[in-house]
C-alpha cells in the first residue's frame, strides 16, 4: 500500500504448527 509492505497473516503460529499445537495444548488441556 503506497510503497509500504504489509504482512498481515491472521494465523501466524500456523506456520510452525507442531510447536504451536503442543504449546496451545499444554495451556488449554486443564480448562478442556
ModelCIF file with pLDDT and N, C-alpha, C, O atoms, coordinates in Angstrom:
data_MODEL
#
_entry.id   MODEL 
#
_entity.id                         1 
_entity.type                       polymer 
_entity.pdbx_number_of_molecules   1 
#
_entity_poly.entity_id                      1 
_entity_poly.type                           'polypeptide(L)' 
_entity_poly.nstd_linkage                   no 
_entity_poly.nstd_monomer                   no 
_entity_poly.pdbx_seq_one_letter_code       
;(UNK)(UNK)(UNK)(UNK)(UNK)(UNK)(UNK)(UNK)(UNK)(UNK)(UNK)(UNK)(UNK)(UNK)(UNK)(UNK)
(UNK)(UNK)(UNK)(UNK)(UNK)(UNK)(UNK)(UNK)(UNK)(UNK)(UNK)(UNK)(UNK)(UNK)(UNK)(UNK)
;
_entity_poly.pdbx_seq_one_letter_code_can   XXXXXXXXXXXXXXXXXXXXXXXXXXXXXXXX 
_entity_poly.pdbx_strand_id                 A 
#
loop_
_entity_poly_seq.entity_id 
_entity_poly_seq.num 
_entity_poly_seq.mon_id 
_entity_poly_seq.hetero 
1 1  UNK n 
1 2  UNK n 
1 3  UNK n 
1 4  UNK n 
1 5  UNK n 
1 6  UNK n 
1 7  UNK n 
1 8  UNK n 
1 9  UNK n 
1 10 UNK n 
1 11 UNK n 
1 12 UNK n 
1 13 UNK n 
1 14 UNK n 
1 15 UNK n 
1 16 UNK n 
1 17 UNK n 
1 18 UNK n 
1 19 UNK n 
1 20 UNK n 
1 21 UNK n 
1 22 UNK n 
1 23 UNK n 
1 24 UNK n 
1 25 UNK n 
1 26 UNK n 
1 27 UNK n 
1 28 UNK n 
1 29 UNK n 
1 30 UNK n 
1 31 UNK n 
1 32 UNK n 
#
_struct_asym.id          A 
_struct_asym.entity_id   1 
#
loop_
_ma_qa_metric.id 
_ma_qa_metric.mode 
_ma_qa_metric.name 
_ma_qa_metric.software_group_id 
_ma_qa_metric.type 
1 global pLDDT . pLDDT 
2 local  pLDDT . pLDDT 
#
_ma_qa_metric_global.metric_id      1 
_ma_qa_metric_global.metric_value   95.75 
_ma_qa_metric_global.model_id       1 
_ma_qa_metric_global.ordinal_id     1 
#
loop_
_ma_qa_metric_local.label_asym_id 
_ma_qa_metric_local.label_comp_id 
_ma_qa_metric_local.label_seq_id 
_ma_qa_metric_local.metric_id 
_ma_qa_metric_local.metric_value 
_ma_qa_metric_local.model_id 
_ma_qa_metric_local.ordinal_id 
A UNK 1  2 97.00 1 1  
A UNK 2  2 96.00 1 2  
A UNK 3  2 97.00 1 3  
A UNK 4  2 98.00 1 4  
A UNK 5  2 98.00 1 5  
A UNK 6  2 98.00 1 6  
A UNK 7  2 98.00 1 7  
A UNK 8  2 97.00 1 8  
A UNK 9  2 95.00 1 9  
A UNK 10 2 88.00 1 10 
A UNK 11 2 87.00 1 11 
A UNK 12 2 93.00 1 12 
A UNK 13 2 93.00 1 13 
A UNK 14 2 90.00 1 14 
A UNK 15 2 92.00 1 15 
A UNK 16 2 95.00 1 16 
A UNK 17 2 96.00 1 17 
A UNK 18 2 97.00 1 18 
A UNK 19 2 97.00 1 19 
A UNK 20 2 97.00 1 20 
A UNK 21 2 97.00 1 21 
A UNK 22 2 97.00 1 22 
A UNK 23 2 97.00 1 23 
A UNK 24 2 97.00 1 24 
A UNK 25 2 96.00 1 25 
A UNK 26 2 96.00 1 26 
A UNK 27 2 97.00 1 27 
A UNK 28 2 98.00 1 28 
A UNK 29 2 97.00 1 29 
A UNK 30 2 97.00 1 30 
A UNK 31 2 98.00 1 31 
A UNK 32 2 98.00 1 32 
#
loop_
_atom_site.group_PDB 
_atom_site.id 
_atom_site.type_symbol 
_atom_site.label_atom_id 
_atom_site.label_alt_id 
_atom_site.label_comp_id 
_atom_site.label_asym_id 
_atom_site.label_entity_id 
_atom_site.label_seq_id 
_atom_site.pdbx_PDB_ins_code 
_atom_site.Cartn_x 
_atom_site.Cartn_y 
_atom_site.Cartn_z 
_atom_site.occupancy 
_atom_site.B_iso_or_equiv 
_atom_site.pdbx_formal_charge 
_atom_site.auth_seq_id 
_atom_site.auth_comp_id 
_atom_site.auth_asym_id 
_atom_site.auth_atom_id 
_atom_site.pdbx_PDB_model_num 
ATOM 1   N N  . UNK A 1 1  ? 0.868   -1.178  0.000  1.00 97.00 ? 1  UNK A N  1 
ATOM 2   C CA . UNK A 1 1  ? 0.000   0.000   0.000  1.00 97.00 ? 1  UNK A CA 1 
ATOM 3   C C  . UNK A 1 1  ? 0.906   1.229   0.000  1.00 97.00 ? 1  UNK A C  1 
ATOM 4   O O  . UNK A 1 1  ? 1.642   1.463   0.959  1.00 97.00 ? 1  UNK A O  1 
ATOM 5   N N  . UNK A 1 2  ? 0.853   2.003   -1.063 1.00 96.00 ? 2  UNK A N  1 
ATOM 6   C CA . UNK A 1 2  ? 1.637   3.237   -1.175 1.00 96.00 ? 2  UNK A CA 1 
ATOM 7   C C  . UNK A 1 2  ? 3.127   3.004   -0.934 1.00 96.00 ? 2  UNK A C  1 
ATOM 8   O O  . UNK A 1 2  ? 3.812   3.829   -0.330 1.00 96.00 ? 2  UNK A O  1 
ATOM 9   N N  . UNK A 1 3  ? 3.615   1.853   -1.422 1.00 97.00 ? 3  UNK A N  1 
ATOM 10  C CA . UNK A 1 3  ? 5.043   1.568   -1.300 1.00 97.00 ? 3  UNK A CA 1 
ATOM 11  C C  . UNK A 1 3  ? 5.466   0.991   0.039  1.00 97.00 ? 3  UNK A C  1 
ATOM 12  O O  . UNK A 1 3  ? 6.654   0.766   0.269  1.00 97.00 ? 3  UNK A O  1 
ATOM 13  N N  . UNK A 1 4  ? 4.511   0.750   0.923  1.00 98.00 ? 4  UNK A N  1 
ATOM 14  C CA . UNK A 1 4  ? 4.797   0.158   2.236  1.00 98.00 ? 4  UNK A CA 1 
ATOM 15  C C  . UNK A 1 4  ? 4.317   -1.286  2.224  1.00 98.00 ? 4  UNK A C  1 
ATOM 16  O O  . UNK A 1 4  ? 3.170   -1.557  1.869  1.00 98.00 ? 4  UNK A O  1 
ATOM 17  N N  . UNK A 1 5  ? 5.189   -2.216  2.611  1.00 98.00 ? 5  UNK A N  1 
ATOM 18  C CA . UNK A 1 5  ? 4.854   -3.637  2.567  1.00 98.00 ? 5  UNK A CA 1 
ATOM 19  C C  . UNK A 1 5  ? 4.171   -4.066  3.862  1.00 98.00 ? 5  UNK A C  1 
ATOM 20  O O  . UNK A 1 5  ? 4.666   -3.806  4.958  1.00 98.00 ? 5  UNK A O  1 
ATOM 21  N N  . UNK A 1 6  ? 3.036   -4.723  3.716  1.00 98.00 ? 6  UNK A N  1 
ATOM 22  C CA . UNK A 1 6  ? 2.237   -5.179  4.861  1.00 98.00 ? 6  UNK A CA 1 
ATOM 23  C C  . UNK A 1 6  ? 2.274   -6.702  4.942  1.00 98.00 ? 6  UNK A C  1 
ATOM 24  O O  . UNK A 1 6  ? 2.014   -7.393  3.957  1.00 98.00 ? 6  UNK A O  1 
ATOM 25  N N  . UNK A 1 7  ? 2.598   -7.215  6.124  1.00 98.00 ? 7  UNK A N  1 
ATOM 26  C CA . UNK A 1 7  ? 2.488   -8.650  6.416  1.00 98.00 ? 7  UNK A CA 1 
ATOM 27  C C  . UNK A 1 7  ? 1.400   -8.794  7.477  1.00 98.00 ? 7  UNK A C  1 
ATOM 28  O O  . UNK A 1 7  ? 1.581   -8.374  8.620  1.00 98.00 ? 7  UNK A O  1 
ATOM 29  N N  . UNK A 1 8  ? 0.268   -9.389  7.096  1.00 97.00 ? 8  UNK A N  1 
ATOM 30  C CA . UNK A 1 8  ? -0.909  -9.416  7.976  1.00 97.00 ? 8  UNK A CA 1 
ATOM 31  C C  . UNK A 1 8  ? -1.544  -10.807 8.013  1.00 97.00 ? 8  UNK A C  1 
ATOM 32  O O  . UNK A 1 8  ? -2.763  -10.930 7.898  1.00 97.00 ? 8  UNK A O  1 
ATOM 33  N N  . UNK A 1 9  ? -0.744  -11.839 8.171  1.00 95.00 ? 9  UNK A N  1 
ATOM 34  C CA . UNK A 1 9  ? -1.283  -13.209 8.218  1.00 95.00 ? 9  UNK A CA 1 
ATOM 35  C C  . UNK A 1 9  ? -2.037  -13.411 9.525  1.00 95.00 ? 9  UNK A C  1 
ATOM 36  O O  . UNK A 1 9  ? -1.508  -13.166 10.609 1.00 95.00 ? 9  UNK A O  1 
ATOM 37  N N  . UNK A 1 10 ? -3.285  -13.863 9.401  1.00 88.00 ? 10 UNK A N  1 
ATOM 38  C CA . UNK A 1 10 ? -4.167  -13.924 10.574 1.00 88.00 ? 10 UNK A CA 1 
ATOM 39  C C  . UNK A 1 10 ? -3.902  -15.132 11.468 1.00 88.00 ? 10 UNK A C  1 
ATOM 40  O O  . UNK A 1 10 ? -4.405  -15.184 12.590 1.00 88.00 ? 10 UNK A O  1 
ATOM 41  N N  . UNK A 1 11 ? -3.136  -16.088 11.000 1.00 87.00 ? 11 UNK A N  1 
ATOM 42  C CA . UNK A 1 11 ? -2.824  -17.243 11.851 1.00 87.00 ? 11 UNK A CA 1 
ATOM 43  C C  . UNK A 1 11 ? -1.328  -17.528 11.772 1.00 87.00 ? 11 UNK A C  1 
ATOM 44  O O  . UNK A 1 11 ? -0.902  -18.612 11.373 1.00 87.00 ? 11 UNK A O  1 
ATOM 45  N N  . UNK A 1 12 ? -0.552  -16.536 12.157 1.00 93.00 ? 12 UNK A N  1 
ATOM 46  C CA . UNK A 1 12 ? 0.910   -16.669 12.065 1.00 93.00 ? 12 UNK A CA 1 
ATOM 47  C C  . UNK A 1 12 ? 1.446   -17.947 12.718 1.00 93.00 ? 12 UNK A C  1 
ATOM 48  O O  . UNK A 1 12 ? 2.300   -18.606 12.125 1.00 93.00 ? 12 UNK A O  1 
ATOM 49  N N  . UNK A 1 13 ? 0.975   -18.328 13.929 1.00 93.00 ? 13 UNK A N  1 
ATOM 50  C CA . UNK A 1 13 ? 1.536   -19.535 14.545 1.00 93.00 ? 13 UNK A CA 1 
ATOM 51  C C  . UNK A 1 13 ? 1.292   -20.810 13.746 1.00 93.00 ? 13 UNK A C  1 
ATOM 52  O O  . UNK A 1 13 ? 1.959   -21.819 13.974 1.00 93.00 ? 13 UNK A O  1 
ATOM 53  N N  . UNK A 1 14 ? 0.336   -20.775 12.805 1.00 90.00 ? 14 UNK A N  1 
ATOM 54  C CA . UNK A 1 14 ? 0.090   -21.943 11.971 1.00 90.00 ? 14 UNK A CA 1 
ATOM 55  C C  . UNK A 1 14 ? 1.290   -22.315 11.112 1.00 90.00 ? 14 UNK A C  1 
ATOM 56  O O  . UNK A 1 14 ? 1.381   -23.446 10.634 1.00 90.00 ? 14 UNK A O  1 
ATOM 57  N N  . UNK A 1 15 ? 2.210   -21.378 10.910 1.00 92.00 ? 15 UNK A N  1 
ATOM 58  C CA . UNK A 1 15 ? 3.402   -21.661 10.103 1.00 92.00 ? 15 UNK A CA 1 
ATOM 59  C C  . UNK A 1 15 ? 4.337   -22.634 10.806 1.00 92.00 ? 15 UNK A C  1 
ATOM 60  O O  . UNK A 1 15 ? 5.083   -23.370 10.160 1.00 92.00 ? 15 UNK A O  1 
ATOM 61  N N  . UNK A 1 16 ? 4.292   -22.632 12.129 1.00 95.00 ? 16 UNK A N  1 
ATOM 62  C CA . UNK A 1 16 ? 5.108   -23.565 12.915 1.00 95.00 ? 16 UNK A CA 1 
ATOM 63  C C  . UNK A 1 16 ? 4.126   -24.426 13.719 1.00 95.00 ? 16 UNK A C  1 
ATOM 64  O O  . UNK A 1 16 ? 4.059   -24.371 14.947 1.00 95.00 ? 16 UNK A O  1 
ATOM 65  N N  . UNK A 1 17 ? 3.380   -25.212 12.967 1.00 96.00 ? 17 UNK A N  1 
ATOM 66  C CA . UNK A 1 17 ? 2.188   -25.859 13.518 1.00 96.00 ? 17 UNK A CA 1 
ATOM 67  C C  . UNK A 1 17 ? 2.484   -26.826 14.654 1.00 96.00 ? 17 UNK A C  1 
ATOM 68  O O  . UNK A 1 17 ? 1.715   -26.902 15.612 1.00 96.00 ? 17 UNK A O  1 
ATOM 69  N N  . UNK A 1 18 ? 3.568   -27.554 14.568 1.00 97.00 ? 18 UNK A N  1 
ATOM 70  C CA . UNK A 1 18 ? 3.830   -28.545 15.617 1.00 97.00 ? 18 UNK A CA 1 
ATOM 71  C C  . UNK A 1 18 ? 4.161   -27.857 16.937 1.00 97.00 ? 18 UNK A C  1 
ATOM 72  O O  . UNK A 1 18 ? 3.588   -28.188 17.975 1.00 97.00 ? 18 UNK A O  1 
ATOM 73  N N  . UNK A 1 19 ? 5.079   -26.905 16.896 1.00 97.00 ? 19 UNK A N  1 
ATOM 74  C CA . UNK A 1 19 ? 5.413   -26.144 18.105 1.00 97.00 ? 19 UNK A CA 1 
ATOM 75  C C  . UNK A 1 19 ? 4.160   -25.487 18.677 1.00 97.00 ? 19 UNK A C  1 
ATOM 76  O O  . UNK A 1 19 ? 3.905   -25.554 19.879 1.00 97.00 ? 19 UNK A O  1 
ATOM 77  N N  . UNK A 1 20 ? 3.379   -24.850 17.796 1.00 97.00 ? 20 UNK A N  1 
ATOM 78  C CA . UNK A 1 20 ? 2.202   -24.103 18.237 1.00 97.00 ? 20 UNK A CA 1 
ATOM 79  C C  . UNK A 1 20 ? 1.138   -25.019 18.831 1.00 97.00 ? 20 UNK A C  1 
ATOM 80  O O  . UNK A 1 20 ? 0.543   -24.701 19.861 1.00 97.00 ? 20 UNK A O  1 
ATOM 81  N N  . UNK A 1 21 ? 0.902   -26.152 18.184 1.00 97.00 ? 21 UNK A N  1 
ATOM 82  C CA . UNK A 1 21 ? -0.127  -27.082 18.662 1.00 97.00 ? 21 UNK A CA 1 
ATOM 83  C C  . UNK A 1 21 ? 0.213   -27.620 20.041 1.00 97.00 ? 21 UNK A C  1 
ATOM 84  O O  . UNK A 1 21 ? -0.648  -27.677 20.919 1.00 97.00 ? 21 UNK A O  1 
ATOM 85  N N  . UNK A 1 22 ? 1.463   -28.014 20.233 1.00 97.00 ? 22 UNK A N  1 
ATOM 86  C CA . UNK A 1 22 ? 1.857   -28.564 21.535 1.00 97.00 ? 22 UNK A CA 1 
ATOM 87  C C  . UNK A 1 22 ? 1.779   -27.485 22.609 1.00 97.00 ? 22 UNK A C  1 
ATOM 88  O O  . UNK A 1 22 ? 1.302   -27.738 23.715 1.00 97.00 ? 22 UNK A O  1 
ATOM 89  N N  . UNK A 1 23 ? 2.252   -26.271 22.280 1.00 97.00 ? 23 UNK A N  1 
ATOM 90  C CA . UNK A 1 23 ? 2.207   -25.173 23.250 1.00 97.00 ? 23 UNK A CA 1 
ATOM 91  C C  . UNK A 1 23 ? 0.771   -24.817 23.617 1.00 97.00 ? 23 UNK A C  1 
ATOM 92  O O  . UNK A 1 23 ? 0.458   -24.609 24.789 1.00 97.00 ? 23 UNK A O  1 
ATOM 93  N N  . UNK A 1 24 ? -0.105  -24.746 22.606 1.00 97.00 ? 24 UNK A N  1 
ATOM 94  C CA . UNK A 1 24 ? -1.509  -24.421 22.871 1.00 97.00 ? 24 UNK A CA 1 
ATOM 95  C C  . UNK A 1 24 ? -2.179  -25.533 23.666 1.00 97.00 ? 24 UNK A C  1 
ATOM 96  O O  . UNK A 1 24 ? -2.937  -25.265 24.598 1.00 97.00 ? 24 UNK A O  1 
ATOM 97  N N  . UNK A 1 25 ? -1.900  -26.780 23.300 1.00 96.00 ? 25 UNK A N  1 
ATOM 98  C CA . UNK A 1 25 ? -2.500  -27.910 24.008 1.00 96.00 ? 25 UNK A CA 1 
ATOM 99  C C  . UNK A 1 25 ? -2.112  -27.967 25.469 1.00 96.00 ? 25 UNK A C  1 
ATOM 100 O O  . UNK A 1 25 ? -2.930  -28.320 26.319 1.00 96.00 ? 25 UNK A O  1 
ATOM 101 N N  . UNK A 1 26 ? -0.857  -27.619 25.770 1.00 96.00 ? 26 UNK A N  1 
ATOM 102 C CA . UNK A 1 26 ? -0.420  -27.581 27.168 1.00 96.00 ? 26 UNK A CA 1 
ATOM 103 C C  . UNK A 1 26 ? -1.247  -26.592 27.976 1.00 96.00 ? 26 UNK A C  1 
ATOM 104 O O  . UNK A 1 26 ? -1.549  -26.830 29.145 1.00 96.00 ? 26 UNK A O  1 
ATOM 105 N N  . UNK A 1 27 ? -1.611  -25.474 27.340 1.00 97.00 ? 27 UNK A N  1 
ATOM 106 C CA . UNK A 1 27 ? -2.352  -24.421 28.042 1.00 97.00 ? 27 UNK A CA 1 
ATOM 107 C C  . UNK A 1 27 ? -3.844  -24.714 28.138 1.00 97.00 ? 27 UNK A C  1 
ATOM 108 O O  . UNK A 1 27 ? -4.466  -24.445 29.165 1.00 97.00 ? 27 UNK A O  1 
ATOM 109 N N  . UNK A 1 28 ? -4.421  -25.266 27.073 1.00 98.00 ? 28 UNK A N  1 
ATOM 110 C CA . UNK A 1 28 ? -5.882  -25.454 27.046 1.00 98.00 ? 28 UNK A CA 1 
ATOM 111 C C  . UNK A 1 28 ? -6.338  -26.715 27.780 1.00 98.00 ? 28 UNK A C  1 
ATOM 112 O O  . UNK A 1 28 ? -7.481  -26.786 28.233 1.00 98.00 ? 28 UNK A O  1 
ATOM 113 N N  . UNK A 1 29 ? -5.455  -27.709 27.902 1.00 97.00 ? 29 UNK A N  1 
ATOM 114 C CA . UNK A 1 29 ? -5.886  -29.001 28.430 1.00 97.00 ? 29 UNK A CA 1 
ATOM 115 C C  . UNK A 1 29 ? -6.567  -28.922 29.800 1.00 97.00 ? 29 UNK A C  1 
ATOM 116 O O  . UNK A 1 29 ? -7.621  -29.537 29.964 1.00 97.00 ? 29 UNK A O  1 
ATOM 117 N N  . UNK A 1 30 ? -6.034  -28.209 30.784 1.00 97.00 ? 30 UNK A N  1 
ATOM 118 C CA . UNK A 1 30 ? -6.710  -28.179 32.087 1.00 97.00 ? 30 UNK A CA 1 
ATOM 119 C C  . UNK A 1 30 ? -8.122  -27.596 32.006 1.00 97.00 ? 30 UNK A C  1 
ATOM 120 O O  . UNK A 1 30 ? -9.030  -28.070 32.689 1.00 97.00 ? 30 UNK A O  1 
ATOM 121 N N  . UNK A 1 31 ? -8.307  -26.568 31.171 1.00 98.00 ? 31 UNK A N  1 
ATOM 122 C CA . UNK A 1 31 ? -9.631  -25.958 31.026 1.00 98.00 ? 31 UNK A CA 1 
ATOM 123 C C  . UNK A 1 31 ? -10.581 -26.887 30.276 1.00 98.00 ? 31 UNK A C  1 
ATOM 124 O O  . UNK A 1 31 ? -11.757 -26.997 30.622 1.00 98.00 ? 31 UNK A O  1 
ATOM 125 N N  . UNK A 1 32 ? -10.064 -27.549 29.250 1.00 98.00 ? 32 UNK A N  1 
ATOM 126 C CA . UNK A 1 32 ? -10.871 -28.504 28.492 1.00 98.00 ? 32 UNK A CA 1 
ATOM 127 C C  . UNK A 1 32 ? -11.354 -29.640 29.395 1.00 98.00 ? 32 UNK A C  1 
ATOM 128 O O  . UNK A 1 32 ? -12.051 -30.543 28.932 1.00 98.00 ? 32 UNK A O  1 
#
